Amino acid sequence: MADLNDMLKQIRERTTPDQERFVDENMAIVDYIHQLLNEKKMKPIDLARKLEKTPAEISKWLSGTHNLTLQSITKIEAALNEDIIMTPVQAKSKYESIKYVTLKVFGNVNSQDTSLKESNSYEDFKWSIESCSQGIRSLKSAS
């Protein structure tokens, strides 16, 4: 085990920042492709069929160790009808219309009454949530 630890230490010492970044980015892309496949209830073999590739090739692509080209990623995007990578400009254009609202919720449980539903605090809390919901609905209808 000491030999393995020494080998891993040597590999880490020789790894350049750009190599680390490449591995991180590649793994993030592959993880996202797996997530998309799960959401679409697809398996890698389904992706292979759509791309007219062998299951072995898709397995290699999705292993995380294969150097995915931009062309390969674009083909996967087309097959899944999803964006996998975007430039910051593309992301801003796609998501700039989304409005984010920060909600602050307070709760105050009556120390003499252990039942939250029977305390005045519950009514205050319920009113706060209803007010927030109305505010969110009006924001949505305004956009």
N, C-alpha and C. Protein backbone atom coordinates (compact mmCIF):
# COMPACT_ATOMS: atom_id res chain seq x y z
N MET A 1 0.82 -1.19 0.00
CA MET A 1 0.00 0.00 0.00
C MET A 1 0.87 1.26 0.00
N ALA A 2 2.01 1.19 0.66
CA ALA A 2 2.91 2.35 0.68
C ALA A 2 3.39 2.68 -0.73
N ASP A 3 3.65 1.64 -1.54
CA ASP A 3 4.08 1.88 -2.92
C ASP A 3 3.00 2.60 -3.72
N LEU A 4 1.75 2.20 -3.53
CA LEU A 4 0.65 2.84 -4.23
C LEU A 4 0.52 4.30 -3.79
N ASN A 5 0.61 4.55 -2.50
CA ASN A 5 0.55 5.92 -2.00
C ASN A 5 1.68 6.78 -2.54
N ASP A 6 2.87 6.20 -2.63
CA ASP A 6 4.02 6.92 -3.20
C ASP A 6 3.78 7.24 -4.67
N MET A 7 3.23 6.27 -5.41
CA MET A 7 2.95 6.50 -6.82
C MET A 7 1.92 7.61 -7.00
N LEU A 8 0.85 7.57 -6.20
CA LEU A 8 -0.18 8.59 -6.29
C LEU A 8 0.38 9.96 -5.94
N LYS A 9 1.26 10.01 -4.95
CA LYS A 9 1.88 11.27 -4.55
C LYS A 9 2.73 11.83 -5.71
N GLN A 10 3.48 10.96 -6.37
CA GLN A 10 4.31 11.39 -7.49
C GLN A 10 3.45 11.90 -8.65
N ILE A 11 2.35 11.22 -8.89
CA ILE A 11 1.45 11.64 -9.97
C ILE A 11 0.88 13.02 -9.65
N ARG A 12 0.42 13.21 -8.40
CA ARG A 12 -0.12 14.51 -8.00
C ARG A 12 0.91 15.62 -8.13
N GLU A 13 2.16 15.33 -7.78
CA GLU A 13 3.21 16.34 -7.85
C GLU A 13 3.51 16.73 -9.30
N ARG A 14 3.34 15.79 -10.23
CA ARG A 14 3.64 16.06 -11.64
C ARG A 14 2.44 16.63 -12.41
N THR A 15 1.27 16.61 -11.79
CA THR A 15 0.07 17.08 -12.47
C THR A 15 0.06 18.61 -12.49
N THR A 16 -0.09 19.14 -13.69
CA THR A 16 -0.10 20.59 -13.85
C THR A 16 -1.52 21.12 -13.56
N PRO A 17 -1.63 22.41 -13.25
CA PRO A 17 -2.96 22.99 -13.00
C PRO A 17 -3.91 22.81 -14.18
N ASP A 18 -3.41 22.92 -15.41
CA ASP A 18 -4.30 22.75 -16.56
C ASP A 18 -4.76 21.30 -16.69
N GLN A 19 -3.92 20.34 -16.32
CA GLN A 19 -4.34 18.94 -16.35
C GLN A 19 -5.42 18.68 -15.30
N GLU A 20 -5.24 19.26 -14.12
CA GLU A 20 -6.25 19.12 -13.07
C GLU A 20 -7.58 19.71 -13.53
N ARG A 21 -7.50 20.87 -14.13
CA ARG A 21 -8.71 21.54 -14.61
C ARG A 21 -9.39 20.72 -15.70
N PHE A 22 -8.59 20.15 -16.61
CA PHE A 22 -9.15 19.31 -17.66
C PHE A 22 -9.92 18.13 -17.06
N VAL A 23 -9.31 17.45 -16.11
CA VAL A 23 -9.96 16.29 -15.48
C VAL A 23 -11.25 16.73 -14.79
N ASP A 24 -11.21 17.83 -14.04
CA ASP A 24 -12.39 18.32 -13.35
C ASP A 24 -13.51 18.66 -14.33
N GLU A 25 -13.18 19.39 -15.40
CA GLU A 25 -14.18 19.78 -16.39
C GLU A 25 -14.76 18.56 -17.10
N ASN A 26 -13.89 17.64 -17.47
CA ASN A 26 -14.32 16.44 -18.17
C ASN A 26 -15.27 15.62 -17.29
N MET A 27 -14.92 15.48 -16.02
CA MET A 27 -15.77 14.72 -15.11
C MET A 27 -17.11 15.43 -14.90
N ALA A 28 -17.11 16.75 -14.83
CA ALA A 28 -18.35 17.50 -14.67
C ALA A 28 -19.27 17.29 -15.87
N ILE A 29 -18.70 17.30 -17.06
CA ILE A 29 -19.48 17.08 -18.28
C ILE A 29 -20.06 15.68 -18.31
N VAL A 30 -19.23 14.69 -18.01
CA VAL A 30 -19.70 13.30 -18.01
C VAL A 30 -20.77 13.09 -16.94
N ASP A 31 -20.57 13.67 -15.75
CA ASP A 31 -21.58 13.56 -14.70
C ASP A 31 -22.91 14.16 -15.16
N TYR A 32 -22.83 15.31 -15.84
CA TYR A 32 -24.05 15.96 -16.31
C TYR A 32 -24.75 15.12 -17.39
N ILE A 33 -23.98 14.51 -18.26
CA ILE A 33 -24.57 13.63 -19.28
C ILE A 33 -25.29 12.47 -18.60
N HIS A 34 -24.69 11.88 -17.58
CA HIS A 34 -25.34 10.80 -16.83
C HIS A 34 -26.63 11.31 -16.19
N GLN A 35 -26.60 12.51 -15.64
CA GLN A 35 -27.79 13.11 -15.02
C GLN A 35 -28.90 13.28 -16.06
N LEU A 36 -28.54 13.79 -17.24
CA LEU A 36 -29.53 13.96 -18.31
C LEU A 36 -30.12 12.62 -18.74
N LEU A 37 -29.27 11.62 -18.85
CA LEU A 37 -29.76 10.29 -19.22
C LEU A 37 -30.76 9.79 -18.18
N ASN A 38 -30.43 9.96 -16.90
CA ASN A 38 -31.35 9.54 -15.83
C ASN A 38 -32.66 10.28 -15.90
N GLU A 39 -32.60 11.61 -16.09
CA GLU A 39 -33.82 12.41 -16.17
C GLU A 39 -34.70 11.98 -17.33
N LYS A 40 -34.08 11.57 -18.43
CA LYS A 40 -34.83 11.17 -19.61
C LYS A 40 -35.12 9.67 -19.61
N LYS A 41 -34.77 9.03 -18.48
CA LYS A 41 -34.98 7.57 -18.34
C LYS A 41 -34.36 6.80 -19.51
N MET A 42 -33.14 7.23 -19.82
CA MET A 42 -32.39 6.59 -20.91
C MET A 42 -31.18 5.88 -20.33
N LYS A 43 -30.69 4.94 -21.09
CA LYS A 43 -29.45 4.24 -20.73
C LYS A 43 -28.40 4.58 -21.79
N PRO A 44 -27.14 4.36 -21.46
CA PRO A 44 -26.09 4.63 -22.45
C PRO A 44 -26.33 3.93 -23.79
N ILE A 45 -26.93 2.75 -23.74
CA ILE A 45 -27.19 2.04 -25.00
C ILE A 45 -28.21 2.80 -25.86
N ASP A 46 -29.16 3.50 -25.21
CA ASP A 46 -30.11 4.33 -25.96
C ASP A 46 -29.40 5.49 -26.64
N LEU A 47 -28.45 6.08 -25.92
CA LEU A 47 -27.65 7.16 -26.51
C LEU A 47 -26.82 6.62 -27.67
N ALA A 48 -26.27 5.43 -27.52
CA ALA A 48 -25.48 4.81 -28.59
C ALA A 48 -26.33 4.64 -29.85
N ARG A 49 -27.56 4.19 -29.66
CA ARG A 49 -28.45 4.01 -30.82
C ARG A 49 -28.72 5.35 -31.50
N LYS A 50 -29.02 6.39 -30.69
CA LYS A 50 -29.32 7.71 -31.27
C LYS A 50 -28.12 8.27 -32.03
N LEU A 51 -26.92 8.00 -31.53
CA LEU A 51 -25.71 8.54 -32.16
C LEU A 51 -25.13 7.59 -33.20
N GLU A 52 -25.77 6.43 -33.36
CA GLU A 52 -25.28 5.39 -34.28
C GLU A 52 -23.83 5.03 -33.97
N LYS A 53 -23.59 4.84 -32.68
CA LYS A 53 -22.28 4.42 -32.18
C LYS A 53 -22.43 3.08 -31.49
N THR A 54 -21.32 2.43 -31.26
CA THR A 54 -21.38 1.16 -30.53
C THR A 54 -21.53 1.47 -29.03
N PRO A 55 -22.18 0.57 -28.31
CA PRO A 55 -22.28 0.75 -26.86
C PRO A 55 -20.90 0.87 -26.20
N ALA A 56 -19.92 0.17 -26.74
CA ALA A 56 -18.57 0.22 -26.18
C ALA A 56 -17.97 1.63 -26.32
N GLU A 57 -18.23 2.26 -27.46
CA GLU A 57 -17.69 3.61 -27.67
C GLU A 57 -18.34 4.61 -26.72
N ILE A 58 -19.66 4.50 -26.55
CA ILE A 58 -20.36 5.40 -25.63
C ILE A 58 -19.90 5.13 -24.20
N SER A 59 -19.70 3.89 -23.87
CA SER A 59 -19.20 3.55 -22.54
C SER A 59 -17.84 4.20 -22.30
N LYS A 60 -17.00 4.17 -23.31
CA LYS A 60 -15.69 4.82 -23.22
C LYS A 60 -15.84 6.33 -23.04
N TRP A 61 -16.76 6.94 -23.81
CA TRP A 61 -17.01 8.37 -23.70
C TRP A 61 -17.47 8.74 -22.29
N LEU A 62 -18.33 7.91 -21.72
CA LEU A 62 -18.94 8.22 -20.44
C LEU A 62 -18.16 7.70 -19.25
N SER A 63 -16.97 7.18 -19.49
CA SER A 63 -16.15 6.67 -18.39
C SER A 63 -15.50 7.79 -17.59
N GLY A 64 -15.37 8.95 -18.23
CA GLY A 64 -14.73 10.07 -17.57
C GLY A 64 -13.25 10.16 -17.87
N THR A 65 -12.71 9.17 -18.54
CA THR A 65 -11.28 9.18 -18.87
C THR A 65 -11.04 9.50 -20.34
N HIS A 66 -12.11 9.51 -21.13
CA HIS A 66 -11.99 9.79 -22.56
C HIS A 66 -11.96 11.30 -22.79
N ASN A 67 -11.16 11.74 -23.73
CA ASN A 67 -11.09 13.15 -24.08
C ASN A 67 -12.23 13.48 -25.03
N LEU A 68 -13.35 13.95 -24.47
CA LEU A 68 -14.50 14.31 -25.30
C LEU A 68 -14.16 15.55 -26.13
N THR A 69 -14.42 15.48 -27.41
CA THR A 69 -14.19 16.64 -28.26
C THR A 69 -15.45 17.51 -28.25
N LEU A 70 -15.31 18.73 -28.68
CA LEU A 70 -16.46 19.62 -28.79
C LEU A 70 -17.47 19.03 -29.77
N GLN A 71 -16.98 18.39 -30.81
CA GLN A 71 -17.87 17.77 -31.78
C GLN A 71 -18.68 16.63 -31.14
N SER A 72 -18.03 15.81 -30.31
CA SER A 72 -18.73 14.72 -29.63
C SER A 72 -19.78 15.27 -28.67
N ILE A 73 -19.41 16.30 -27.92
CA ILE A 73 -20.35 16.90 -26.97
C ILE A 73 -21.54 17.48 -27.71
N THR A 74 -21.30 18.14 -28.84
CA THR A 74 -22.37 18.72 -29.63
C THR A 74 -23.32 17.64 -30.16
N LYS A 75 -22.77 16.51 -30.57
CA LYS A 75 -23.61 15.39 -31.03
C LYS A 75 -24.48 14.87 -29.90
N ILE A 76 -23.90 14.78 -28.71
CA ILE A 76 -24.67 14.32 -27.54
C ILE A 76 -25.76 15.33 -27.21
N GLU A 77 -25.43 16.63 -27.27
CA GLU A 77 -26.43 17.67 -27.03
C GLU A 77 -27.61 17.52 -28.00
N ALA A 78 -27.30 17.28 -29.27
CA ALA A 78 -28.36 17.14 -30.28
C ALA A 78 -29.19 15.89 -30.02
N ALA A 79 -28.53 14.81 -29.64
CA ALA A 79 -29.24 13.55 -29.40
C ALA A 79 -30.15 13.65 -28.18
N LEU A 80 -29.72 14.40 -27.17
CA LEU A 80 -30.51 14.54 -25.94
C LEU A 80 -31.40 15.78 -25.96
N ASN A 81 -31.22 16.61 -26.99
CA ASN A 81 -31.95 17.88 -27.11
C ASN A 81 -31.77 18.72 -25.84
N GLU A 82 -30.55 18.82 -25.37
CA GLU A 82 -30.20 19.56 -24.16
C GLU A 82 -28.86 20.25 -24.36
N ASP A 83 -28.70 21.41 -23.71
CA ASP A 83 -27.39 22.06 -23.67
C ASP A 83 -26.55 21.37 -22.61
N ILE A 84 -25.31 21.09 -22.95
CA ILE A 84 -24.38 20.49 -21.97
C ILE A 84 -23.35 21.52 -21.56
N ILE A 85 -22.82 22.24 -22.54
CA ILE A 85 -21.89 23.32 -22.22
C ILE A 85 -22.40 24.59 -22.86
N MET A 86 -22.16 25.71 -22.17
CA MET A 86 -22.56 27.02 -22.68
C MET A 86 -21.48 28.02 -22.34
N THR A 87 -21.34 29.00 -23.19
CA THR A 87 -20.46 30.11 -22.86
C THR A 87 -21.19 30.99 -21.85
N PRO A 88 -20.47 31.83 -21.12
CA PRO A 88 -21.16 32.74 -20.20
C PRO A 88 -22.20 33.62 -20.91
N VAL A 89 -21.92 34.04 -22.14
CA VAL A 89 -22.87 34.87 -22.89
C VAL A 89 -24.14 34.08 -23.18
N GLN A 90 -24.00 32.81 -23.60
CA GLN A 90 -25.16 31.97 -23.86
C GLN A 90 -25.98 31.76 -22.59
N ALA A 91 -25.29 31.49 -21.49
CA ALA A 91 -25.98 31.24 -20.22
C ALA A 91 -26.74 32.48 -19.77
N LYS A 92 -26.12 33.64 -19.89
CA LYS A 92 -26.79 34.89 -19.49
C LYS A 92 -28.03 35.12 -20.34
N SER A 93 -27.91 34.91 -21.63
CA SER A 93 -29.04 35.10 -22.53
C SER A 93 -30.18 34.14 -22.19
N LYS A 94 -29.84 32.91 -21.88
CA LYS A 94 -30.86 31.90 -21.61
C LYS A 94 -31.53 32.12 -20.25
N TYR A 95 -30.76 32.54 -19.26
CA TYR A 95 -31.29 32.59 -17.90
C TYR A 95 -31.52 33.99 -17.34
N GLU A 96 -31.27 35.03 -18.12
CA GLU A 96 -31.41 36.38 -17.56
C GLU A 96 -32.85 36.73 -17.22
N SER A 97 -33.82 36.06 -17.82
CA SER A 97 -35.22 36.38 -17.54
C SER A 97 -35.72 35.75 -16.25
N ILE A 98 -34.96 34.87 -15.65
CA ILE A 98 -35.37 34.23 -14.40
C ILE A 98 -35.19 35.21 -13.26
N LYS A 99 -36.23 35.38 -12.47
CA LYS A 99 -36.18 36.26 -11.31
C LYS A 99 -35.99 35.41 -10.06
N TYR A 100 -35.05 35.80 -9.25
CA TYR A 100 -34.80 35.09 -8.00
C TYR A 100 -35.28 35.96 -6.85
N VAL A 101 -35.96 35.35 -5.92
CA VAL A 101 -36.48 36.06 -4.77
C VAL A 101 -35.93 35.41 -3.52
N THR A 102 -35.41 36.22 -2.62
CA THR A 102 -34.93 35.71 -1.34
C THR A 102 -36.06 35.84 -0.34
N LEU A 103 -36.40 34.74 0.29
CA LEU A 103 -37.46 34.74 1.28
C LEU A 103 -36.85 34.54 2.66
N LYS A 104 -37.32 35.29 3.61
CA LYS A 104 -36.88 35.13 4.98
C LYS A 104 -38.10 34.67 5.77
N VAL A 105 -38.01 33.52 6.40
CA VAL A 105 -39.12 32.95 7.14
C VAL A 105 -38.75 32.93 8.61
N PHE A 106 -39.66 33.40 9.44
CA PHE A 106 -39.44 33.43 10.88
C PHE A 106 -40.45 32.52 11.55
N GLY A 107 -40.05 31.87 12.57
CA GLY A 107 -40.95 31.06 13.37
C GLY A 107 -40.73 31.38 14.83
N ASN A 108 -41.79 31.43 15.59
CA ASN A 108 -41.68 31.74 17.01
C ASN A 108 -42.63 30.81 17.73
N VAL A 109 -42.11 29.78 18.33
CA VAL A 109 -42.93 28.79 19.01
C VAL A 109 -43.19 29.27 20.43
N ASN A 110 -44.44 29.24 20.81
CA ASN A 110 -44.84 29.61 22.16
C ASN A 110 -44.22 28.61 23.13
N SER A 111 -43.40 29.09 24.06
CA SER A 111 -42.68 28.17 24.95
C SER A 111 -43.61 27.45 25.91
N GLN A 112 -44.81 27.96 26.15
CA GLN A 112 -45.75 27.30 27.05
C GLN A 112 -46.60 26.27 26.32
N ASP A 113 -46.62 26.34 25.01
CA ASP A 113 -47.46 25.44 24.23
C ASP A 113 -46.57 24.67 23.26
N THR A 114 -46.48 23.36 23.43
CA THR A 114 -45.59 22.57 22.58
C THR A 114 -46.22 22.24 21.24
N SER A 115 -47.49 22.50 21.07
CA SER A 115 -48.15 22.21 19.81
C SER A 115 -48.09 23.44 18.91
N LEU A 116 -47.28 23.38 17.87
CA LEU A 116 -47.11 24.52 16.97
C LEU A 116 -48.43 24.91 16.33
N LYS A 117 -49.27 23.94 16.00
CA LYS A 117 -50.52 24.22 15.33
C LYS A 117 -51.48 25.01 16.22
N GLU A 118 -51.38 24.89 17.51
CA GLU A 118 -52.30 25.57 18.41
C GLU A 118 -51.77 26.92 18.89
N SER A 119 -50.56 27.27 18.54
CA SER A 119 -49.99 28.53 19.03
C SER A 119 -50.29 29.66 18.06
N ASN A 120 -50.22 30.88 18.57
CA ASN A 120 -50.38 32.06 17.73
C ASN A 120 -49.28 32.12 16.68
N SER A 121 -48.11 31.59 17.01
CA SER A 121 -46.98 31.63 16.09
C SER A 121 -47.29 30.89 14.80
N TYR A 122 -48.03 29.80 14.92
CA TYR A 122 -48.39 29.04 13.73
C TYR A 122 -49.20 29.91 12.78
N GLU A 123 -50.16 30.66 13.30
CA GLU A 123 -50.98 31.53 12.47
C GLU A 123 -50.12 32.61 11.82
N ASP A 124 -49.16 33.17 12.59
CA ASP A 124 -48.26 34.17 12.04
C ASP A 124 -47.42 33.57 10.92
N PHE A 125 -46.92 32.35 11.18
CA PHE A 125 -46.09 31.66 10.19
C PHE A 125 -46.91 31.38 8.94
N LYS A 126 -48.12 30.87 9.11
CA LYS A 126 -49.00 30.55 7.98
C LYS A 126 -49.28 31.82 7.17
N TRP A 127 -49.56 32.94 7.86
CA TRP A 127 -49.82 34.19 7.18
C TRP A 127 -48.60 34.63 6.38
N SER A 128 -47.39 34.48 6.96
CA SER A 128 -46.16 34.87 6.26
C SER A 128 -45.97 34.07 4.99
N ILE A 129 -46.19 32.78 5.06
CA ILE A 129 -46.04 31.91 3.89
C ILE A 129 -47.06 32.30 2.82
N GLU A 130 -48.30 32.54 3.22
CA GLU A 130 -49.32 32.93 2.24
C GLU A 130 -48.96 34.26 1.58
N SER A 131 -48.45 35.20 2.36
CA SER A 131 -48.05 36.50 1.81
C SER A 131 -46.91 36.33 0.81
N CYS A 132 -45.93 35.49 1.16
CA CYS A 132 -44.81 35.24 0.25
C CYS A 132 -45.32 34.59 -1.04
N SER A 133 -46.24 33.65 -0.92
CA SER A 133 -46.77 32.97 -2.10
C SER A 133 -47.48 33.96 -3.01
N GLN A 134 -48.25 34.87 -2.43
CA GLN A 134 -48.93 35.88 -3.23
C GLN A 134 -47.92 36.79 -3.94
N GLY A 135 -46.86 37.15 -3.22
CA GLY A 135 -45.82 37.98 -3.82
C GLY A 135 -45.14 37.28 -4.98
N ILE A 136 -44.87 36.02 -4.82
CA ILE A 136 -44.23 35.24 -5.90
C ILE A 136 -45.16 35.15 -7.10
N ARG A 137 -46.45 34.89 -6.85
CA ARG A 137 -47.41 34.81 -7.97
C ARG A 137 -47.47 36.14 -8.71
N SER A 138 -47.45 37.26 -7.98
CA SER A 138 -47.52 38.54 -8.67
C SER A 138 -46.24 38.82 -9.45
N LEU A 139 -45.08 38.37 -8.93
CA LEU A 139 -43.82 38.51 -9.68
C LEU A 139 -43.86 37.71 -10.97
N LYS A 140 -44.39 36.49 -10.89
CA LYS A 140 -44.47 35.63 -12.07
C LYS A 140 -45.40 36.23 -13.12
N SER A 141 -46.53 36.77 -12.67
CA SER A 141 -47.47 37.32 -13.65
C SER A 141 -46.95 38.63 -14.26
N ALA A 142 -46.07 39.31 -13.55
CA ALA A 142 -45.50 40.57 -14.08
C ALA A 142 -44.44 40.32 -15.14
N SER A 143 -43.84 39.12 -15.12
CA SER A 143 -42.75 38.87 -16.09
C SER A 143 -43.23 38.20 -17.34
